[in-house]
PDB file of N, CA and C in Angstrom:
ATOM      1  N   MET A   1      93.542  -7.357  17.571  1.00  0.00           N
ATOM      2  CA  MET A   1      93.677  -6.204  16.130  1.00  0.00           C
ATOM      3  C   MET A   1      93.581  -5.172  16.802  1.00  0.00           C
ATOM      4  N   ASN A   2      94.183  -4.093  16.385  1.00  0.00           N
ATOM      5  CA  ASN A   2      93.661  -2.501  17.081  1.00  0.00           C
ATOM      6  C   ASN A   2      92.778  -1.964  15.900  1.00  0.00           C
ATOM      7  N   THR A   3      91.797  -1.637  16.780  1.00  0.00           N
ATOM      8  CA  THR A   3      90.303  -0.987  15.842  1.00  0.00           C
ATOM      9  C   THR A   3      90.496   0.125  16.339  1.00  0.00           C
ATOM     10  N   GLU A   4      91.340   0.910  16.313  1.00  0.00           N
ATOM     11  CA  GLU A   4      91.373   2.238  16.535  1.00  0.00           C
ATOM     12  C   GLU A   4      91.191   3.016  15.180  1.00  0.00           C
ATOM     13  N   PRO A   5      91.955   2.296  13.716  1.00  0.00           N
ATOM     14  CA  PRO A   5      91.845   3.017  13.070  1.00  0.00           C
ATOM     15  C   PRO A   5      90.655   2.415  12.291  1.00  0.00           C
ATOM     16  N   ILE A   6      89.757   1.667  12.315  1.00  0.00           N
ATOM     17  CA  ILE A   6      88.434   1.362  12.656  1.00  0.00           C
ATOM     18  C   ILE A   6      86.981   2.578  12.892  1.00  0.00           C
ATOM     19  N   GLU A   7      87.661   2.557  13.944  1.00  0.00           N
ATOM     20  CA  GLU A   7      86.953   3.391  15.113  1.00  0.00           C
ATOM     21  C   GLU A   7      86.574   5.233  14.880  1.00  0.00           C
ATOM     22  N   THR A   8      88.172   5.876  14.085  1.00  0.00           N
ATOM     23  CA  THR A   8      88.494   6.784  13.393  1.00  0.00           C
ATOM     24  C   THR A   8      88.178   7.022  12.480  1.00  0.00           C
ATOM     25  N   LYS A   9      87.892   6.227  11.488  1.00  0.00           N
ATOM     26  CA  LYS A   9      86.711   6.138   9.915  1.00  0.00           C
ATOM     27  C   LYS A   9      85.728   6.254  10.797  1.00  0.00           C
ATOM     28  N   ILE A  10      85.256   5.873  11.387  1.00  0.00           N
ATOM     29  CA  ILE A  10      83.849   5.536  11.586  1.00  0.00           C
ATOM     30  C   ILE A  10      83.237   7.023  11.617  1.00  0.00           C
ATOM     31  N   LYS A  11      84.030   7.984  13.260  1.00  0.00           N
ATOM     32  CA  LYS A  11      83.860   8.648  13.660  1.00  0.00           C
ATOM     33  C   LYS A  11      83.497   9.961  12.410  1.00  0.00           C
ATOM     34  N   LYS A  12      84.747   9.427  11.691  1.00  0.00           N
ATOM     35  CA  LYS A  12      84.389  10.941  10.243  1.00  0.00           C
ATOM     36  C   LYS A  12      82.710  10.717   9.439  1.00  0.00           C
ATOM     37  N   LEU A  13      82.367  10.029   9.594  1.00  0.00           N
ATOM     38  CA  LEU A  13      81.273   9.255   8.561  1.00  0.00           C
ATOM     39  C   LEU A  13      80.184  10.079   8.979  1.00  0.00           C
ATOM     40  N   PRO A  14      79.182  10.664   7.853  1.00  0.00           N
ATOM     41  CA  PRO A  14      77.924  11.414   8.799  1.00  0.00           C
ATOM     42  C   PRO A  14      76.880  10.150   9.008  1.00  0.00           C
ATOM     43  N   PRO A  15      75.684  10.593   9.659  1.00  0.00           N
ATOM     44  CA  PRO A  15      75.305   9.405  10.655  1.00  0.00           C
ATOM     45  C   PRO A  15      74.534   8.329   9.668  1.00  0.00           C
ATOM     46  N   HIS A  16      74.393   8.854   8.540  1.00  0.00           N
ATOM     47  CA  HIS A  16      73.245   7.378   7.586  1.00  0.00           C
ATOM     48  C   HIS A  16      74.212   6.756   7.308  1.00  0.00           C
ATOM     49  N   LEU A  17      75.730   7.020   6.800  1.00  0.00           N
ATOM     50  CA  LEU A  17      76.658   6.040   6.791  1.00  0.00           C
ATOM     51  C   LEU A  17      76.980   4.896   7.963  1.00  0.00           C
ATOM     52  N   LYS A  18      77.093   5.908   9.490  1.00  0.00           N
ATOM     53  CA  LYS A  18      77.371   4.973  10.134  1.00  0.00           C
ATOM     54  C   LYS A  18      76.027   3.941  10.439  1.00  0.00           C
ATOM     55  N   ARG A  19      75.097   4.174  10.248  1.00  0.00           N
ATOM     56  CA  ARG A  19      73.829   3.235  10.222  1.00  0.00           C
ATOM     57  C   ARG A  19      74.488   2.076   8.879  1.00  0.00           C
ATOM     58  N   GLU A  20      74.532   2.071   7.782  1.00  0.00           N
ATOM     59  CA  GLU A  20      75.182   1.608   6.967  1.00  0.00           C
ATOM     60  C   GLU A  20      76.328   0.711   7.535  1.00  0.00           C
ATOM     61  N   VAL A  21      77.311   1.306   8.094  1.00  0.00           N
ATOM     62  CA  VAL A  21      78.173   0.591   8.506  1.00  0.00           C
ATOM     63  C   VAL A  21      77.641  -0.431   9.995  1.00  0.00           C
ATOM     64  N   LEU A  22      76.965  -0.240  10.354  1.00  0.00           N
ATOM     65  CA  LEU A  22      75.986  -0.771  11.476  1.00  0.00           C
ATOM     66  C   LEU A  22      75.418  -1.792  10.980  1.00  0.00           C
ATOM     67  N   ASP A  23      74.573  -1.814   9.876  1.00  0.00           N
ATOM     68  CA  ASP A  23      73.944  -2.646   9.300  1.00  0.00           C
ATOM     69  C   ASP A  23      74.930  -3.849   8.763  1.00  0.00           C
ATOM     70  N   TYR A  24      76.098  -3.580   8.139  1.00  0.00           N
ATOM     71  CA  TYR A  24      77.052  -4.597   7.310  1.00  0.00           C
ATOM     72  C   TYR A  24      77.917  -5.420   8.531  1.00  0.00           C
ATOM     73  N   ILE A  25      77.858  -4.673   9.582  1.00  0.00           N
ATOM     74  CA  ILE A  25      78.503  -5.154  10.889  1.00  0.00           C
ATOM     75  C   ILE A  25      77.574  -6.451  11.312  1.00  0.00           C
ATOM     76  N   ASP A  26      76.423  -6.334  11.269  1.00  0.00           N
ATOM     77  CA  ASP A  26      75.488  -7.043  11.635  1.00  0.00           C
ATOM     78  C   ASP A  26      75.123  -8.494  10.538  1.00  0.00           C
ATOM     79  N   PHE A  27      75.036  -7.667   9.501  1.00  0.00           N
ATOM     80  CA  PHE A  27      75.467  -8.818   7.892  1.00  0.00           C
ATOM     81  C   PHE A  27      76.270  -9.871   8.347  1.00  0.00           C
ATOM     82  N   LEU A  28      77.844  -8.971   8.623  1.00  0.00           N
ATOM     83  CA  LEU A  28      79.057 -10.124   8.606  1.00  0.00           C
ATOM     84  C   LEU A  28      79.031 -10.710   9.717  1.00  0.00           C
ATOM     85  N   THR A  29      77.938 -10.542  10.835  1.00  0.00           N
ATOM     86  CA  THR A  29      78.123 -11.192  11.814  1.00  0.00           C
ATOM     87  C   THR A  29      76.919 -12.739  11.736  1.00  0.00           C
ATOM     88  N   GLN A  30      75.698 -12.571  10.975  1.00  0.00           N
ATOM     89  CA  GLN A  30      75.357 -13.401  11.113  1.00  0.00           C
ATOM     90  C   GLN A  30      75.823 -14.333   9.721  1.00  0.00           C
ATOM     91  N   LYS A  31      76.675 -13.429   8.861  1.00  0.00           N
ATOM     92  CA  LYS A  31      77.108 -14.868   8.278  1.00  0.00           C
ATOM     93  C   LYS A  31      78.294 -15.568   8.607  1.00  0.00           C
ATOM     94  N   TYR A  32      78.955 -15.452   9.272  1.00  0.00           N
ATOM     95  CA  TYR A  32      80.353 -15.886   9.875  1.00  0.00           C
ATOM     96  C   TYR A  32      79.696 -16.596  11.045  1.00  0.00           C
ATOM     97  N   HIS A  33      78.593 -16.164  11.734  1.00  0.00           N
ATOM     98  CA  HIS A  33      78.338 -17.121  13.091  1.00  0.00           C
ATOM     99  C   HIS A  33      76.497 -16.517  13.158  1.00  0.00           C
ATOM    100  N   PRO A  34      76.635 -18.002  12.102  1.00  0.00           N
ATOM    101  CA  PRO A  34      75.106 -17.819  11.983  1.00  0.00           C
ATOM    102  C   PRO A  34      74.502 -18.665  13.711  1.00  0.00           C
ATOM    103  N   SER A  35      73.086 -18.603  13.401  1.00  0.00           N
ATOM    104  CA  SER A  35      72.602 -19.394  14.691  1.00  0.00           C
ATOM    105  C   SER A  35      71.480 -19.762  14.429  1.00  0.00           C
ATOM    106  N   SER A  36      71.041 -20.959  14.557  1.00  0.00           N
ATOM    107  CA  SER A  36      70.233 -21.629  14.362  1.00  0.00           C
ATOM    108  C   SER A  36      68.934 -21.153  15.345  1.00  0.00           C
ATOM    109  N   PRO A  37      67.493 -20.844  14.911  1.00  0.00           N
ATOM    110  CA  PRO A  37      66.479 -21.070  16.014  1.00  0.00           C
ATOM    111  C   PRO A  37      66.537 -21.583  17.120  1.00  0.00           C
ATOM    112  N   GLY A  38      67.105 -22.902  17.464  1.00  0.00           N
ATOM    113  CA  GLY A  38      66.953 -24.108  18.377  1.00  0.00           C
ATOM    114  C   GLY A  38      68.487 -23.583  19.636  1.00  0.00           C
ATOM    115  N   GLU A  39      69.138 -22.723  18.689  1.00  0.00           N
ATOM    116  CA  GLU A  39      70.328 -22.465  19.545  1.00  0.00           C
ATOM    117  C   GLU A  39      70.035 -21.366  20.738  1.00  0.00           C
ATOM    118  N   ARG A  40      69.153 -20.677  20.705  1.00  0.00           N
ATOM    119  CA  ARG A  40      68.893 -19.220  20.897  1.00  0.00           C
ATOM    120  C   ARG A  40      68.607 -19.518  22.230  1.00  0.00           C
ATOM    121  N   PHE A  41      67.196 -20.370  22.441  1.00  0.00           N
ATOM    122  CA  PHE A  41      66.936 -20.995  23.688  1.00  0.00           C
ATOM    123  C   PHE A  41      66.671 -22.213  23.878  1.00  0.00           C
ATOM    124  N   LYS A  42      66.726 -22.810  24.726  1.00  0.00           N
ATOM    125  CA  LYS A  42      66.601 -23.968  25.053  1.00  0.00           C
ATOM    126  C   LYS A  42      65.737 -24.829  26.237  1.00  0.00           C
ATOM    127  N   PHE A  43      64.989 -25.309  25.815  1.00  0.00           N
ATOM    128  CA  PHE A  43      64.018 -25.874  26.655  1.00  0.00           C
ATOM    129  C   PHE A  43      63.973 -26.984  27.289  1.00  0.00           C
ATOM    130  N   ASN A  44      65.665 -27.704  27.542  1.00  0.00           N
ATOM    131  CA  ASN A  44      65.608 -29.100  28.345  1.00  0.00           C
ATOM    132  C   ASN A  44      65.747 -28.650  29.920  1.00  0.00           C
ATOM    133  N   TRP A  45      64.858 -27.716  30.519  1.00  0.00           N
ATOM    134  CA  TRP A  45      64.687 -27.664  31.948  1.00  0.00           C
ATOM    135  C   TRP A  45      62.755 -27.805  31.903  1.00  0.00           C
ATOM    136  N   GLU A  46      62.140 -28.026  30.463  1.00  0.00           N
ATOM    137  CA  GLU A  46      61.022 -28.208  30.711  1.00  0.00           C
ATOM    138  C   GLU A  46      60.270 -29.483  31.365  1.00  0.00           C
ATOM    139  N   GLY A  47      59.672 -29.292  32.363  1.00  0.00           N
ATOM    140  CA  GLY A  47      59.047 -30.542  33.114  1.00  0.00           C
ATOM    141  C   GLY A  47      59.849 -30.652  34.404  1.00  0.00           C
ATOM    142  N   GLY A  48      61.060 -29.647  35.025  1.00  0.00           N
ATOM    143  CA  GLY A  48      61.659 -30.185  35.497  1.00  0.00           C
ATOM    144  C   GLY A  48      61.249 -30.090  36.894  1.00  0.00           C
ATOM    145  N   LEU A  49      59.925 -29.691  36.737  1.00  0.00           N
ATOM    146  CA  LEU A  49      59.323 -29.250  38.310  1.00  0.00           C
ATOM    147  C   LEU A  49      57.784 -30.137  38.196  1.00  0.00           C
ATOM    148  N   SER A  50      57.923 -31.316  37.232  1.00  0.00           N
ATOM    149  CA  SER A  50      56.686 -31.907  37.403  1.00  0.00           C
ATOM    150  C   SER A  50      56.137 -32.828  38.423  1.00  0.00           C
ATOM    151  N   ASP A  51      57.209 -33.333  38.902  1.00  0.00           N
ATOM    152  CA  ASP A  51      56.781 -33.962  40.322  1.00  0.00           C
ATOM    153  C   ASP A  51      56.132 -33.064  41.187  1.00  0.00           C
ATOM    154  N   LEU A  52      55.890 -31.786  41.361  1.00  0.00           N
ATOM    155  CA  LEU A  52      55.659 -31.072  42.365  1.00  0.00           C
ATOM    156  C   LEU A  52      54.302 -30.327  41.736  1.00  0.00           C
ATOM    157  N   ALA A  53      53.853 -30.583  40.706  1.00  0.00           N
ATOM    158  CA  ALA A  53      52.546 -30.229  39.795  1.00  0.00           C
ATOM    159  C   ALA A  53      51.389 -30.663  40.796  1.00  0.00           C
ATOM    160  N   ASP A  54      51.369 -31.914  41.479  1.00  0.00           N
ATOM    161  CA  ASP A  54      49.922 -32.342  42.289  1.00  0.00           C
ATOM    162  C   ASP A  54      50.080 -31.320  43.709  1.00  0.00           C
ATOM    163  N   LYS A  55      51.522 -30.778  44.235  1.00  0.00           N
ATOM    164  CA  LYS A  55      51.276 -30.218  45.326  1.00  0.00           C
ATOM    165  C   LYS A  55      51.123 -28.789  45.193  1.00  0.00           C
ATOM    166  N   TYR A  56      51.550 -28.103  44.482  1.00  0.00           N
ATOM    167  CA  TYR A  56      51.446 -26.852  44.326  1.00  0.00           C
ATOM    168  C   TYR A  56      50.674 -26.765  42.643  1.00  0.00           C
ATOM    169  N   SER A  57      50.361 -25.185  42.772  1.00  0.00           N
ATOM    170  CA  SER A  57      49.585 -24.584  41.127  1.00  0.00           C
ATOM    171  C   SER A  57      50.668 -23.824  40.955  1.00  0.00           C
ATOM    172  N   SER A  58      50.286 -24.198  39.413  1.00  0.00           N
ATOM    173  CA  SER A  58      51.404 -22.716  38.558  1.00  0.00           C
ATOM    174  C   SER A  58      51.695 -21.719  39.331  1.00  0.00           C
ATOM    175  N   VAL A  59      50.968 -21.022  40.035  1.00  0.00           N
ATOM    176  CA  VAL A  59      51.717 -19.472  40.350  1.00  0.00           C
ATOM    177  C   VAL A  59      52.008 -19.932  41.612  1.00  0.00           C
ATOM    178  N   GLU A  60      51.483 -20.874  42.454  1.00  0.00           N
ATOM    179  CA  GLU A  60      52.234 -21.415  43.445  1.00  0.00           C
ATOM    180  C   GLU A  60      53.463 -21.478  43.261  1.00  0.00           C
ATOM    181  N   LEU A  61      53.971 -22.592  42.115  1.00  0.00           N
ATOM    182  CA  LEU A  61      55.565 -23.165  41.910  1.00  0.00           C
ATOM    183  C   LEU A  61      55.944 -21.413  41.390  1.00  0.00           C
ATOM    184  N   GLN A  62      55.756 -20.184  40.690  1.00  0.00           N
ATOM    185  CA  GLN A  62      56.228 -19.803  40.178  1.00  0.00           C
ATOM    186  C   GLN A  62      56.610 -18.857  42.007  1.00  0.00           C
ATOM    187  N   HIS A  63      56.047 -18.722  42.681  1.00  0.00           N
ATOM    188  CA  HIS A  63      56.445 -17.676  43.891  1.00  0.00           C
ATOM    189  C   HIS A  63      57.470 -19.070  44.756  1.00  0.00           C
ATOM    190  N   LYS A  64      56.948 -20.479  44.418  1.00  0.00           N
ATOM    191  CA  LYS A  64      58.355 -21.065  45.298  1.00  0.00           C
ATOM    192  C   LYS A  64      59.556 -20.926  44.440  1.00  0.00           C
ATOM    193  N   VAL A  65      59.699 -20.982  43.120  1.00  0.00           N
ATOM    194  CA  VAL A  65      60.454 -21.038  42.898  1.00  0.00           C
ATOM    195  C   VAL A  65      61.621 -19.176  42.865  1.00  0.00           C
ATOM    196  N   SER A  66      60.727 -18.461  43.053  1.00  0.00           N
ATOM    197  CA  SER A  66      61.184 -16.823  43.147  1.00  0.00           C
ATOM    198  C   SER A  66      61.867 -17.098  44.897  1.00  0.00           C
ATOM    199  N   GLU A  67      61.247 -17.927  45.796  1.00  0.00           N
ATOM    200  CA  GLU A  67      62.237 -18.153  47.058  1.00  0.00           C
ATOM    201  C   GLU A  67      63.462 -18.734  46.412  1.00  0.00           C
ATOM    202  N   TRP A  68      63.690 -19.945  46.062  1.00  0.00           N
ATOM    203  CA  TRP A  68      64.425 -20.846  45.863  1.00  0.00           C
ATOM    204  C   TRP A  68      66.074 -20.334  45.006  1.00  0.00           C
ATOM    205  N   ARG A  69      65.498 -18.949  44.486  1.00  0.00           N
ATOM    206  CA  ARG A  69      66.571 -18.405  43.937  1.00  0.00           C
ATOM    207  C   ARG A  69      67.577 -17.649  44.702  1.00  0.00           C
TER     208      ARG A  69
END
């Protein structure tokens, strides 16, 4: 879709109406592409380093992870 006509019309609006347009776009985005809280962050990696817990402290693990990247 060519968005040029939309952009042209938005540019002509005063600032307070541009904010309303943005709010409406956010509303439409949420309405047609809702995300459940579980979709945003998945913790399926949790416990992935548990086998190293006896060998390293949590701080040491943080440093190791930085090295492994």
